[in-house]
Amino acid sequence: MDIIEYMPSNCFFIDASFVEGTFLFLEGEEYHHAKGVMRVREHEEIRLLNGKGSEATGCIHSIEKRRIGVRVLSVTQHAPQQQKLTLGISLLRSGHLDFVIEKGTELGVY
């Protein structure tokens, strides 16, 4: 049985590189999620992920009308995890197998 890690509530995605001491901004959907849903406040610590294996701890510096300023406090680099993905399919109509193979390949099925 695999252990599933749940994303904590104070974790946000931002497509940027993380460098300690720099300022980043949460905008768009992440801004709405942070301000409207999670109701973060200034000086609160949050986690940032960039989808490239980096995780940062940040402190909310300012909350503006359309963006939230975050100062990066620390950065952690994670090694990518290799997962084996197997796809099971039922019998298909002719011509649909090519589509399944194409999409499976894009997802990394082997």
N, C-alpha and C. Protein backbone atom coordinates (compact mmCIF):
# COMPACT_ATOMS: atom_id res chain seq x y z
N MET A 1 0.84 -1.18 0.00
CA MET A 1 0.00 0.00 0.00
C MET A 1 0.88 1.24 0.00
N ASP A 2 0.58 2.18 -0.88
CA ASP A 2 1.37 3.39 -0.99
C ASP A 2 0.93 4.43 0.03
N ILE A 3 1.88 5.21 0.49
CA ILE A 3 1.58 6.31 1.40
C ILE A 3 1.32 7.54 0.54
N ILE A 4 0.20 8.18 0.76
CA ILE A 4 -0.17 9.36 -0.01
C ILE A 4 0.07 10.59 0.85
N GLU A 5 0.82 11.54 0.31
CA GLU A 5 1.05 12.79 1.02
C GLU A 5 -0.01 13.79 0.58
N TYR A 6 -0.66 14.39 1.54
CA TYR A 6 -1.68 15.38 1.24
C TYR A 6 -1.05 16.77 1.25
N MET A 7 -1.49 17.61 0.32
CA MET A 7 -0.97 18.96 0.24
C MET A 7 -1.56 19.79 1.39
N PRO A 8 -0.72 20.42 2.17
CA PRO A 8 -1.24 21.23 3.27
C PRO A 8 -2.01 22.44 2.73
N SER A 9 -2.84 23.00 3.57
CA SER A 9 -3.71 24.09 3.14
C SER A 9 -2.95 25.39 2.85
N ASN A 10 -1.78 25.55 3.40
CA ASN A 10 -1.03 26.79 3.19
C ASN A 10 0.02 26.65 2.09
N CYS A 11 -0.27 25.83 1.10
CA CYS A 11 0.68 25.54 0.03
C CYS A 11 0.13 26.09 -1.29
N PHE A 12 0.98 26.85 -2.03
CA PHE A 12 0.52 27.50 -3.25
C PHE A 12 1.51 27.26 -4.38
N PHE A 13 0.99 27.22 -5.61
CA PHE A 13 1.82 27.02 -6.80
C PHE A 13 2.17 28.36 -7.41
N ILE A 14 3.43 28.50 -7.80
CA ILE A 14 3.87 29.68 -8.53
C ILE A 14 4.94 29.24 -9.53
N ASP A 15 4.79 29.65 -10.76
CA ASP A 15 5.72 29.25 -11.82
C ASP A 15 6.91 30.21 -11.84
N ALA A 16 7.85 29.96 -10.94
CA ALA A 16 9.03 30.82 -10.82
C ALA A 16 10.15 30.02 -10.17
N SER A 17 11.36 30.52 -10.31
CA SER A 17 12.50 29.94 -9.61
C SER A 17 12.58 30.58 -8.23
N PHE A 18 12.99 29.80 -7.24
CA PHE A 18 13.06 30.30 -5.88
C PHE A 18 14.49 30.62 -5.49
N VAL A 19 14.71 31.82 -4.96
CA VAL A 19 16.00 32.24 -4.44
C VAL A 19 15.74 32.90 -3.10
N GLU A 20 16.47 32.45 -2.08
CA GLU A 20 16.28 33.00 -0.73
C GLU A 20 16.44 34.51 -0.74
N GLY A 21 15.53 35.19 -0.03
CA GLY A 21 15.59 36.64 0.13
C GLY A 21 14.90 37.43 -0.97
N THR A 22 14.46 36.78 -2.04
CA THR A 22 13.79 37.50 -3.12
C THR A 22 12.29 37.59 -2.85
N PHE A 23 11.63 38.46 -3.61
CA PHE A 23 10.19 38.65 -3.49
C PHE A 23 9.51 38.07 -4.72
N LEU A 24 8.42 37.36 -4.48
CA LEU A 24 7.58 36.80 -5.54
C LEU A 24 6.15 37.26 -5.31
N PHE A 25 5.32 37.12 -6.34
CA PHE A 25 3.94 37.56 -6.22
C PHE A 25 2.98 36.44 -6.62
N LEU A 26 1.98 36.21 -5.78
CA LEU A 26 0.89 35.31 -6.11
C LEU A 26 -0.16 36.13 -6.85
N GLU A 27 -0.51 35.69 -8.05
CA GLU A 27 -1.48 36.41 -8.87
C GLU A 27 -2.49 35.44 -9.46
N GLY A 28 -3.56 35.95 -10.00
CA GLY A 28 -4.55 35.12 -10.68
C GLY A 28 -5.27 34.17 -9.74
N GLU A 29 -5.35 32.90 -10.15
CA GLU A 29 -6.07 31.89 -9.37
C GLU A 29 -5.44 31.67 -8.00
N GLU A 30 -4.10 31.68 -7.93
CA GLU A 30 -3.44 31.46 -6.64
C GLU A 30 -3.70 32.64 -5.70
N TYR A 31 -3.77 33.84 -6.25
CA TYR A 31 -4.13 35.01 -5.44
C TYR A 31 -5.53 34.83 -4.86
N HIS A 32 -6.47 34.46 -5.72
CA HIS A 32 -7.86 34.26 -5.27
C HIS A 32 -7.92 33.17 -4.19
N HIS A 33 -7.21 32.07 -4.42
CA HIS A 33 -7.23 30.97 -3.46
C HIS A 33 -6.63 31.40 -2.11
N ALA A 34 -5.51 32.12 -2.17
CA ALA A 34 -4.84 32.54 -0.94
C ALA A 34 -5.67 33.58 -0.18
N LYS A 35 -6.15 34.59 -0.89
CA LYS A 35 -6.84 35.69 -0.22
C LYS A 35 -8.30 35.37 0.08
N GLY A 36 -9.02 34.85 -0.92
CA GLY A 36 -10.45 34.65 -0.76
C GLY A 36 -10.83 33.36 -0.07
N VAL A 37 -10.10 32.28 -0.34
CA VAL A 37 -10.46 30.98 0.22
C VAL A 37 -9.71 30.71 1.52
N MET A 38 -8.39 30.81 1.48
CA MET A 38 -7.59 30.50 2.67
C MET A 38 -7.46 31.68 3.63
N ARG A 39 -7.77 32.88 3.16
CA ARG A 39 -7.75 34.10 3.97
C ARG A 39 -6.44 34.31 4.72
N VAL A 40 -5.36 34.27 3.95
CA VAL A 40 -4.04 34.48 4.55
C VAL A 40 -3.90 35.93 5.01
N ARG A 41 -3.00 36.14 5.91
CA ARG A 41 -2.75 37.47 6.48
C ARG A 41 -1.27 37.82 6.32
N GLU A 42 -0.97 39.10 6.43
CA GLU A 42 0.43 39.54 6.37
C GLU A 42 1.22 38.89 7.50
N HIS A 43 2.49 38.61 7.21
CA HIS A 43 3.46 37.99 8.13
C HIS A 43 3.18 36.51 8.39
N GLU A 44 2.23 35.92 7.68
CA GLU A 44 1.94 34.50 7.80
C GLU A 44 2.92 33.72 6.92
N GLU A 45 3.39 32.58 7.42
CA GLU A 45 4.28 31.73 6.63
C GLU A 45 3.48 30.79 5.76
N ILE A 46 3.93 30.64 4.50
CA ILE A 46 3.27 29.73 3.56
C ILE A 46 4.34 28.90 2.84
N ARG A 47 3.90 27.84 2.16
CA ARG A 47 4.80 27.03 1.33
C ARG A 47 4.49 27.31 -0.12
N LEU A 48 5.54 27.37 -0.94
CA LEU A 48 5.40 27.60 -2.37
C LEU A 48 6.00 26.42 -3.12
N LEU A 49 5.33 25.98 -4.17
CA LEU A 49 5.82 24.92 -5.05
C LEU A 49 5.87 25.45 -6.46
N ASN A 50 6.87 25.01 -7.24
CA ASN A 50 6.94 25.48 -8.63
C ASN A 50 6.77 24.37 -9.66
N GLY A 51 6.54 23.15 -9.23
CA GLY A 51 6.34 22.05 -10.17
C GLY A 51 7.61 21.56 -10.82
N LYS A 52 8.76 22.07 -10.40
CA LYS A 52 10.06 21.68 -10.96
C LYS A 52 10.96 21.06 -9.91
N GLY A 53 10.36 20.64 -8.80
CA GLY A 53 11.13 20.00 -7.74
C GLY A 53 11.60 20.93 -6.64
N SER A 54 11.23 22.20 -6.72
CA SER A 54 11.63 23.16 -5.68
C SER A 54 10.46 23.49 -4.78
N GLU A 55 10.78 23.62 -3.51
CA GLU A 55 9.79 24.03 -2.52
C GLU A 55 10.40 25.16 -1.72
N ALA A 56 9.60 26.18 -1.43
CA ALA A 56 10.11 27.32 -0.68
C ALA A 56 9.16 27.63 0.47
N THR A 57 9.75 28.12 1.55
CA THR A 57 8.97 28.66 2.65
C THR A 57 9.02 30.17 2.49
N GLY A 58 7.87 30.80 2.55
CA GLY A 58 7.82 32.24 2.36
C GLY A 58 6.97 32.91 3.42
N CYS A 59 7.17 34.20 3.55
CA CYS A 59 6.41 35.02 4.49
C CYS A 59 5.65 36.06 3.68
N ILE A 60 4.36 36.20 3.95
CA ILE A 60 3.56 37.17 3.22
C ILE A 60 3.98 38.56 3.64
N HIS A 61 4.44 39.32 2.66
CA HIS A 61 4.95 40.67 2.91
C HIS A 61 3.85 41.71 2.74
N SER A 62 3.04 41.56 1.69
CA SER A 62 1.99 42.54 1.43
C SER A 62 0.82 41.88 0.70
N ILE A 63 -0.37 42.39 0.98
CA ILE A 63 -1.56 41.93 0.28
C ILE A 63 -2.13 43.14 -0.44
N GLU A 64 -2.07 43.09 -1.77
CA GLU A 64 -2.52 44.20 -2.59
C GLU A 64 -3.84 43.84 -3.25
N LYS A 65 -4.34 44.73 -4.11
CA LYS A 65 -5.64 44.53 -4.74
C LYS A 65 -5.68 43.31 -5.65
N ARG A 66 -4.61 43.03 -6.41
CA ARG A 66 -4.61 41.92 -7.36
C ARG A 66 -3.43 40.96 -7.20
N ARG A 67 -2.64 41.14 -6.16
CA ARG A 67 -1.51 40.23 -5.95
C ARG A 67 -1.07 40.25 -4.50
N ILE A 68 -0.38 39.18 -4.13
CA ILE A 68 0.15 39.04 -2.77
C ILE A 68 1.66 38.93 -2.87
N GLY A 69 2.37 39.81 -2.18
CA GLY A 69 3.83 39.78 -2.16
C GLY A 69 4.33 38.80 -1.12
N VAL A 70 5.26 37.93 -1.53
CA VAL A 70 5.82 36.91 -0.63
C VAL A 70 7.34 37.00 -0.67
N ARG A 71 7.97 37.05 0.51
CA ARG A 71 9.43 37.02 0.59
C ARG A 71 9.85 35.58 0.85
N VAL A 72 10.77 35.08 0.03
CA VAL A 72 11.25 33.70 0.15
C VAL A 72 12.23 33.60 1.31
N LEU A 73 11.92 32.73 2.27
CA LEU A 73 12.77 32.56 3.45
C LEU A 73 13.77 31.43 3.28
N SER A 74 13.33 30.30 2.73
CA SER A 74 14.23 29.17 2.52
C SER A 74 13.75 28.36 1.32
N VAL A 75 14.70 27.65 0.71
CA VAL A 75 14.42 26.87 -0.50
C VAL A 75 14.92 25.45 -0.28
N THR A 76 14.09 24.48 -0.70
CA THR A 76 14.45 23.07 -0.64
C THR A 76 14.28 22.47 -2.03
N GLN A 77 15.27 21.72 -2.47
CA GLN A 77 15.21 21.05 -3.77
C GLN A 77 14.92 19.57 -3.56
N HIS A 78 13.91 19.04 -4.25
CA HIS A 78 13.54 17.64 -4.14
C HIS A 78 13.90 16.91 -5.43
N ALA A 79 14.40 15.68 -5.28
CA ALA A 79 14.72 14.86 -6.45
C ALA A 79 13.42 14.34 -7.07
N PRO A 80 13.34 14.31 -8.39
CA PRO A 80 12.12 13.80 -9.03
C PRO A 80 11.91 12.32 -8.71
N GLN A 81 10.65 11.95 -8.52
CA GLN A 81 10.32 10.57 -8.20
C GLN A 81 9.93 9.83 -9.48
N GLN A 82 10.46 8.64 -9.63
CA GLN A 82 10.12 7.80 -10.77
C GLN A 82 8.94 6.91 -10.38
N GLN A 83 7.92 6.90 -11.21
CA GLN A 83 6.77 6.06 -10.96
C GLN A 83 6.52 5.17 -12.16
N LYS A 84 6.12 3.95 -11.89
CA LYS A 84 5.78 3.03 -12.95
C LYS A 84 4.27 3.11 -13.16
N LEU A 85 3.88 3.38 -14.39
CA LEU A 85 2.47 3.54 -14.72
C LEU A 85 2.08 2.48 -15.74
N THR A 86 1.11 1.66 -15.39
CA THR A 86 0.64 0.61 -16.28
C THR A 86 -0.80 0.92 -16.66
N LEU A 87 -1.14 0.75 -17.92
CA LEU A 87 -2.48 1.05 -18.41
C LEU A 87 -3.17 -0.23 -18.84
N GLY A 88 -4.37 -0.44 -18.34
CA GLY A 88 -5.18 -1.58 -18.76
C GLY A 88 -6.35 -1.06 -19.57
N ILE A 89 -6.61 -1.66 -20.72
CA ILE A 89 -7.71 -1.22 -21.57
C ILE A 89 -8.56 -2.41 -21.97
N SER A 90 -9.80 -2.13 -22.28
CA SER A 90 -10.70 -3.19 -22.76
C SER A 90 -10.58 -3.30 -24.28
N LEU A 91 -11.33 -4.21 -24.85
CA LEU A 91 -11.36 -4.31 -26.31
C LEU A 91 -11.95 -3.03 -26.88
N LEU A 92 -11.35 -2.55 -27.97
CA LEU A 92 -11.76 -1.28 -28.56
C LEU A 92 -12.25 -1.46 -29.99
N ARG A 93 -12.98 -0.48 -30.44
CA ARG A 93 -13.37 -0.46 -31.85
C ARG A 93 -12.13 -0.18 -32.68
N SER A 94 -12.17 -0.58 -33.92
CA SER A 94 -11.00 -0.36 -34.78
C SER A 94 -10.72 1.14 -34.90
N GLY A 95 -9.47 1.50 -34.90
CA GLY A 95 -9.07 2.89 -35.03
C GLY A 95 -8.87 3.61 -33.71
N HIS A 96 -9.44 3.11 -32.62
CA HIS A 96 -9.30 3.78 -31.32
C HIS A 96 -8.03 3.39 -30.59
N LEU A 97 -7.44 2.26 -30.95
CA LEU A 97 -6.22 1.83 -30.29
C LEU A 97 -5.08 2.81 -30.53
N ASP A 98 -5.00 3.39 -31.73
CA ASP A 98 -3.95 4.38 -32.02
C ASP A 98 -4.06 5.58 -31.07
N PHE A 99 -5.28 6.02 -30.81
CA PHE A 99 -5.50 7.15 -29.91
C PHE A 99 -5.04 6.79 -28.49
N VAL A 100 -5.38 5.60 -28.02
CA VAL A 100 -4.98 5.16 -26.68
C VAL A 100 -3.46 5.07 -26.57
N ILE A 101 -2.82 4.54 -27.59
CA ILE A 101 -1.35 4.44 -27.58
C ILE A 101 -0.72 5.83 -27.56
N GLU A 102 -1.25 6.74 -28.36
CA GLU A 102 -0.72 8.12 -28.43
C GLU A 102 -0.82 8.79 -27.06
N LYS A 103 -2.00 8.77 -26.46
CA LYS A 103 -2.20 9.43 -25.17
C LYS A 103 -1.44 8.73 -24.04
N GLY A 104 -1.38 7.41 -24.09
CA GLY A 104 -0.62 6.66 -23.10
C GLY A 104 0.85 7.01 -23.14
N THR A 105 1.40 7.14 -24.34
CA THR A 105 2.80 7.53 -24.50
C THR A 105 3.05 8.90 -23.92
N GLU A 106 2.13 9.84 -24.16
CA GLU A 106 2.27 11.19 -23.60
C GLU A 106 2.28 11.18 -22.08
N LEU A 107 1.56 10.24 -21.48
CA LEU A 107 1.50 10.14 -20.02
C LEU A 107 2.64 9.34 -19.42
N GLY A 108 3.41 8.69 -20.25
CA GLY A 108 4.55 7.92 -19.74
C GLY A 108 4.26 6.46 -19.48
N VAL A 109 3.23 5.93 -20.08
CA VAL A 109 2.90 4.52 -19.92
C VAL A 109 3.91 3.69 -20.70
N TYR A 110 4.40 2.62 -20.11
CA TYR A 110 5.31 1.72 -20.82
C TYR A 110 5.03 0.29 -20.47
